[in-house]
Amino acid sequence: MKHFIKGFLFGSVATLGAVAGAAMSFKKKVVEPIEDEEQRFEDNRKKAARKSRSAHQ
């Protein structure tokens, strides 16, 4: 029974580690590039609004 408990705990920790690693990898590869692109669009929109206002003064 002692070996079963050690194996179960090790398996649980390894599974949790794998899930956490997969989540971090997904965030790094998918979510962050989308957020960066949205931020770039927002910055370009702000620049365009400033240019538009300065052109009409």
PDB file of N, CA and C in Angstrom:
ATOM      1  N   MET A   1       0.819  -1.183   0.000  1.00  0.00           N
ATOM      2  CA  MET A   1       0.000   0.000   0.000  1.00  0.00           C
ATOM      3  C   MET A   1       0.867   1.252   0.000  1.00  0.00           C
ATOM      4  N   LYS A   2       2.032   1.193   0.635  1.00  0.00           N
ATOM      5  CA  LYS A   2       2.917   2.348   0.729  1.00  0.00           C
ATOM      6  C   LYS A   2       3.418   2.770  -0.654  1.00  0.00           C
ATOM      7  N   HIS A   3       3.744   1.796  -1.503  1.00  0.00           N
ATOM      8  CA  HIS A   3       4.219   2.103  -2.854  1.00  0.00           C
ATOM      9  C   HIS A   3       3.108   2.715  -3.708  1.00  0.00           C
ATOM     10  N   PHE A   4       1.889   2.244  -3.473  1.00  0.00           N
ATOM     11  CA  PHE A   4       0.755   2.783  -4.223  1.00  0.00           C
ATOM     12  C   PHE A   4       0.562   4.260  -3.904  1.00  0.00           C
ATOM     13  N   ILE A   5       0.633   4.621  -2.639  1.00  0.00           N
ATOM     14  CA  ILE A   5       0.432   6.016  -2.234  1.00  0.00           C
ATOM     15  C   ILE A   5       1.537   6.895  -2.804  1.00  0.00           C
ATOM     16  N   LYS A   6       2.786   6.434  -2.733  1.00  0.00           N
ATOM     17  CA  LYS A   6       3.892   7.215  -3.305  1.00  0.00           C
ATOM     18  C   LYS A   6       3.707   7.391  -4.813  1.00  0.00           C
ATOM     19  N   GLY A   7       3.345   6.322  -5.492  1.00  0.00           N
ATOM     20  CA  GLY A   7       3.128   6.392  -6.935  1.00  0.00           C
ATOM     21  C   GLY A   7       1.975   7.295  -7.298  1.00  0.00           C
ATOM     22  N   PHE A   8       0.903   7.201  -6.527  1.00  0.00           N
ATOM     23  CA  PHE A   8      -0.256   8.050  -6.782  1.00  0.00           C
ATOM     24  C   PHE A   8       0.091   9.519  -6.597  1.00  0.00           C
ATOM     25  N   LEU A   9       0.786   9.839  -5.511  1.00  0.00           N
ATOM     26  CA  LEU A   9       1.177  11.233  -5.271  1.00  0.00           C
ATOM     27  C   LEU A   9       2.133  11.733  -6.347  1.00  0.00           C
ATOM     28  N   PHE A  10       3.110  10.903  -6.715  1.00  0.00           N
ATOM     29  CA  PHE A  10       4.043  11.305  -7.768  1.00  0.00           C
ATOM     30  C   PHE A  10       3.314  11.519  -9.093  1.00  0.00           C
ATOM     31  N   GLY A  11       2.407  10.620  -9.416  1.00  0.00           N
ATOM     32  CA  GLY A  11       1.624  10.764 -10.648  1.00  0.00           C
ATOM     33  C   GLY A  11       0.763  12.009 -10.633  1.00  0.00           C
ATOM     34  N   SER A  12       0.171  12.310  -9.491  1.00  0.00           N
ATOM     35  CA  SER A  12      -0.669  13.506  -9.380  1.00  0.00           C
ATOM     36  C   SER A  12       0.167  14.768  -9.567  1.00  0.00           C
ATOM     37  N   VAL A  13       1.327  14.815  -8.918  1.00  0.00           N
ATOM     38  CA  VAL A  13       2.199  15.982  -9.040  1.00  0.00           C
ATOM     39  C   VAL A  13       2.702  16.123 -10.479  1.00  0.00           C
ATOM     40  N   ALA A  14       3.070  15.014 -11.093  1.00  0.00           N
ATOM     41  CA  ALA A  14       3.547  15.059 -12.476  1.00  0.00           C
ATOM     42  C   ALA A  14       2.448  15.518 -13.422  1.00  0.00           C
ATOM     43  N   THR A  15       1.232  15.059 -13.209  1.00  0.00           N
ATOM     44  CA  THR A  15       0.107  15.466 -14.058  1.00  0.00           C
ATOM     45  C   THR A  15      -0.185  16.953 -13.891  1.00  0.00           C
ATOM     46  N   LEU A  16      -0.194  17.413 -12.650  1.00  0.00           N
ATOM     47  CA  LEU A  16      -0.432  18.842 -12.408  1.00  0.00           C
ATOM     48  C   LEU A  16       0.666  19.693 -13.043  1.00  0.00           C
ATOM     49  N   GLY A  17       1.897  19.216 -12.961  1.00  0.00           N
ATOM     50  CA  GLY A  17       3.000  19.939 -13.592  1.00  0.00           C
ATOM     51  C   GLY A  17       2.853  20.003 -15.098  1.00  0.00           C
ATOM     52  N   ALA A  18       2.440  18.889 -15.694  1.00  0.00           N
ATOM     53  CA  ALA A  18       2.248  18.860 -17.150  1.00  0.00           C
ATOM     54  C   ALA A  18       1.119  19.790 -17.577  1.00  0.00           C
ATOM     55  N   VAL A  19       0.040  19.804 -16.817  1.00  0.00           N
ATOM     56  CA  VAL A  19      -1.089  20.687 -17.140  1.00  0.00           C
ATOM     57  C   VAL A  19      -0.675  22.149 -16.999  1.00  0.00           C
ATOM     58  N   ALA A  20       0.053  22.459 -15.938  1.00  0.00           N
ATOM     59  CA  ALA A  20       0.512  23.838 -15.744  1.00  0.00           C
ATOM     60  C   ALA A  20       1.464  24.251 -16.866  1.00  0.00           C
ATOM     61  N   GLY A  21       2.350  23.357 -17.268  1.00  0.00           N
ATOM     62  CA  GLY A  21       3.272  23.653 -18.362  1.00  0.00           C
ATOM     63  C   GLY A  21       2.545  23.877 -19.673  1.00  0.00           C
ATOM     64  N   ALA A  22       1.528  23.068 -19.928  1.00  0.00           N
ATOM     65  CA  ALA A  22       0.747  23.222 -21.154  1.00  0.00           C
ATOM     66  C   ALA A  22      -0.007  24.549 -21.148  1.00  0.00           C
ATOM     67  N   ALA A  23      -0.548  24.923 -19.996  1.00  0.00           N
ATOM     68  CA  ALA A  23      -1.278  26.192 -19.900  1.00  0.00           C
ATOM     69  C   ALA A  23      -0.345  27.377 -20.128  1.00  0.00           C
ATOM     70  N   MET A  24       0.838  27.328 -19.536  1.00  0.00           N
ATOM     71  CA  MET A  24       1.797  28.419 -19.718  1.00  0.00           C
ATOM     72  C   MET A  24       2.259  28.498 -21.171  1.00  0.00           C
ATOM     73  N   SER A  25       2.478  27.352 -21.787  1.00  0.00           N
ATOM     74  CA  SER A  25       2.898  27.321 -23.182  1.00  0.00           C
ATOM     75  C   SER A  25       1.811  27.889 -24.084  1.00  0.00           C
ATOM     76  N   PHE A  26       0.555  27.511 -23.842  1.00  0.00           N
ATOM     77  CA  PHE A  26      -0.562  28.027 -24.628  1.00  0.00           C
ATOM     78  C   PHE A  26      -0.648  29.542 -24.496  1.00  0.00           C
ATOM     79  N   LYS A  27      -0.518  30.029 -23.263  1.00  0.00           N
ATOM     80  CA  LYS A  27      -0.578  31.478 -23.044  1.00  0.00           C
ATOM     81  C   LYS A  27       0.538  32.185 -23.793  1.00  0.00           C
ATOM     82  N   LYS A  28       1.734  31.625 -23.750  1.00  0.00           N
ATOM     83  CA  LYS A  28       2.893  32.256 -24.380  1.00  0.00           C
ATOM     84  C   LYS A  28       2.782  32.249 -25.898  1.00  0.00           C
ATOM     85  N   LYS A  29       2.281  31.155 -26.474  1.00  0.00           N
ATOM     86  CA  LYS A  29       2.239  31.007 -27.928  1.00  0.00           C
ATOM     87  C   LYS A  29       0.990  31.589 -28.576  1.00  0.00           C
ATOM     88  N   VAL A  30      -0.143  31.627 -27.846  1.00  0.00           N
ATOM     89  CA  VAL A  30      -1.402  32.036 -28.467  1.00  0.00           C
ATOM     90  C   VAL A  30      -1.938  33.344 -27.897  1.00  0.00           C
ATOM     91  N   VAL A  31      -2.035  33.434 -26.597  1.00  0.00           N
ATOM     92  CA  VAL A  31      -2.715  34.568 -25.982  1.00  0.00           C
ATOM     93  C   VAL A  31      -1.879  35.841 -26.065  1.00  0.00           C
ATOM     94  N   GLU A  32      -0.613  35.778 -25.704  1.00  0.00           N
ATOM     95  CA  GLU A  32       0.225  36.979 -25.698  1.00  0.00           C
ATOM     96  C   GLU A  32       0.374  37.620 -27.078  1.00  0.00           C
ATOM     97  N   PRO A  33       0.577  36.853 -28.169  1.00  0.00           N
ATOM     98  CA  PRO A  33       0.640  37.520 -29.477  1.00  0.00           C
ATOM     99  C   PRO A  33      -0.651  38.254 -29.847  1.00  0.00           C
ATOM    100  N   ILE A  34      -1.787  37.687 -29.466  1.00  0.00           N
ATOM    101  CA  ILE A  34      -3.064  38.351 -29.749  1.00  0.00           C
ATOM    102  C   ILE A  34      -3.160  39.640 -28.948  1.00  0.00           C
ATOM    103  N   GLU A  35      -2.769  39.597 -27.677  1.00  0.00           N
ATOM    104  CA  GLU A  35      -2.809  40.807 -26.856  1.00  0.00           C
ATOM    105  C   GLU A  35      -1.842  41.863 -27.380  1.00  0.00           C
ATOM    106  N   ASP A  36      -0.661  41.440 -27.827  1.00  0.00           N
ATOM    107  CA  ASP A  36       0.300  42.391 -28.386  1.00  0.00           C
ATOM    108  C   ASP A  36      -0.247  43.049 -29.642  1.00  0.00           C
ATOM    109  N   GLU A  37      -0.909  42.266 -30.489  1.00  0.00           N
ATOM    110  CA  GLU A  37      -1.472  42.811 -31.718  1.00  0.00           C
ATOM    111  C   GLU A  37      -2.597  43.799 -31.402  1.00  0.00           C
ATOM    112  N   GLU A  38      -3.435  43.457 -30.439  1.00  0.00           N
ATOM    113  CA  GLU A  38      -4.504  44.373 -30.044  1.00  0.00           C
ATOM    114  C   GLU A  38      -3.930  45.675 -29.487  1.00  0.00           C
ATOM    115  N   GLN A  39      -2.861  45.585 -28.725  1.00  0.00           N
ATOM    116  CA  GLN A  39      -2.225  46.784 -28.179  1.00  0.00           C
ATOM    117  C   GLN A  39      -1.644  47.637 -29.303  1.00  0.00           C
ATOM    118  N   ARG A  40      -1.052  47.001 -30.302  1.00  0.00           N
ATOM    119  CA  ARG A  40      -0.498  47.736 -31.435  1.00  0.00           C
ATOM    120  C   ARG A  40      -1.603  48.461 -32.198  1.00  0.00           C
ATOM    121  N   PHE A  41      -2.754  47.786 -32.404  1.00  0.00           N
ATOM    122  CA  PHE A  41      -3.882  48.427 -33.075  1.00  0.00           C
ATOM    123  C   PHE A  41      -4.385  49.623 -32.274  1.00  0.00           C
ATOM    124  N   GLU A  42      -4.443  49.464 -30.959  1.00  0.00           N
ATOM    125  CA  GLU A  42      -4.899  50.554 -30.100  1.00  0.00           C
ATOM    126  C   GLU A  42      -3.946  51.747 -30.187  1.00  0.00           C
ATOM    127  N   ASP A  43      -2.648  51.474 -30.184  1.00  0.00           N
ATOM    128  CA  ASP A  43      -1.663  52.553 -30.297  1.00  0.00           C
ATOM    129  C   ASP A  43      -1.792  53.259 -31.644  1.00  0.00           C
ATOM    130  N   ASN A  44      -1.975  52.503 -32.718  1.00  0.00           N
ATOM    131  CA  ASN A  44      -2.133  53.105 -34.046  1.00  0.00           C
ATOM    132  C   ASN A  44      -3.404  53.948 -34.120  1.00  0.00           C
ATOM    133  N   ARG A  45      -4.470  53.486 -33.469  1.00  0.00           N
ATOM    134  CA  ARG A  45      -5.717  54.251 -33.467  1.00  0.00           C
ATOM    135  C   ARG A  45      -5.517  55.579 -32.740  1.00  0.00           C
ATOM    136  N   LYS A  46      -4.794  55.557 -31.614  1.00  0.00           N
ATOM    137  CA  LYS A  46      -4.528  56.780 -30.866  1.00  0.00           C
ATOM    138  C   LYS A  46      -3.671  57.740 -31.680  1.00  0.00           C
ATOM    139  N   LYS A  47      -2.652  57.217 -32.371  1.00  0.00           N
ATOM    140  CA  LYS A  47      -1.797  58.067 -33.210  1.00  0.00           C
ATOM    141  C   LYS A  47      -2.606  58.704 -34.329  1.00  0.00           C
ATOM    142  N   ALA A  48      -3.479  57.932 -34.935  1.00  0.00           N
ATOM    143  CA  ALA A  48      -4.301  58.456 -36.027  1.00  0.00           C
ATOM    144  C   ALA A  48      -5.233  59.547 -35.521  1.00  0.00           C
ATOM    145  N   ALA A  49      -5.793  59.373 -34.341  1.00  0.00           N
ATOM    146  CA  ALA A  49      -6.681  60.396 -33.779  1.00  0.00           C
ATOM    147  C   ALA A  49      -5.903  61.676 -33.494  1.00  0.00           C
ATOM    148  N   ARG A  50      -4.688  61.564 -32.987  1.00  0.00           N
ATOM    149  CA  ARG A  50      -3.868  62.757 -32.726  1.00  0.00           C
ATOM    150  C   ARG A  50      -3.524  63.467 -34.034  1.00  0.00           C
ATOM    151  N   LYS A  51      -3.163  62.696 -35.051  1.00  0.00           N
ATOM    152  CA  LYS A  51      -2.846  63.306 -36.346  1.00  0.00           C
ATOM    153  C   LYS A  51      -4.053  64.015 -36.928  1.00  0.00           C
ATOM    154  N   SER A  52      -5.206  63.386 -36.807  1.00  0.00           N
ATOM    155  CA  SER A  52      -6.431  63.968 -37.356  1.00  0.00           C
ATOM    156  C   SER A  52      -6.741  65.288 -36.670  1.00  0.00           C
ATOM    157  N   ARG A  53      -6.603  65.325 -35.353  1.00  0.00           N
ATOM    158  CA  ARG A  53      -6.899  66.556 -34.625  1.00  0.00           C
ATOM    159  C   ARG A  53      -5.899  67.653 -34.970  1.00  0.00           C
ATOM    160  N   SER A  54      -4.631  67.299 -35.073  1.00  0.00           N
ATOM    161  CA  SER A  54      -3.635  68.329 -35.371  1.00  0.00           C
ATOM    162  C   SER A  54      -3.742  68.839 -36.807  1.00  0.00           C
ATOM    163  N   ALA A  55      -4.244  68.026 -37.707  1.00  0.00           N
ATOM    164  CA  ALA A  55      -4.379  68.445 -39.106  1.00  0.00           C
ATOM    165  C   ALA A  55      -5.516  69.452 -39.270  1.00  0.00           C
ATOM    166  N   HIS A  56      -6.483  69.446 -38.374  1.00  0.00           N
ATOM    167  CA  HIS A  56      -7.637  70.323 -38.505  1.00  0.00           C
ATOM    168  C   HIS A  56      -7.545  71.562 -37.630  1.00  0.00           C
ATOM    169  N   GLN A  57      -6.371  71.865 -37.141  1.00  0.00           N
ATOM    170  CA  GLN A  57      -6.277  73.056 -36.311  1.00  0.00           C
ATOM    171  C   GLN A  57      -5.518  74.154 -36.998  1.00  0.00           C
TER     172      GLN A  57
END
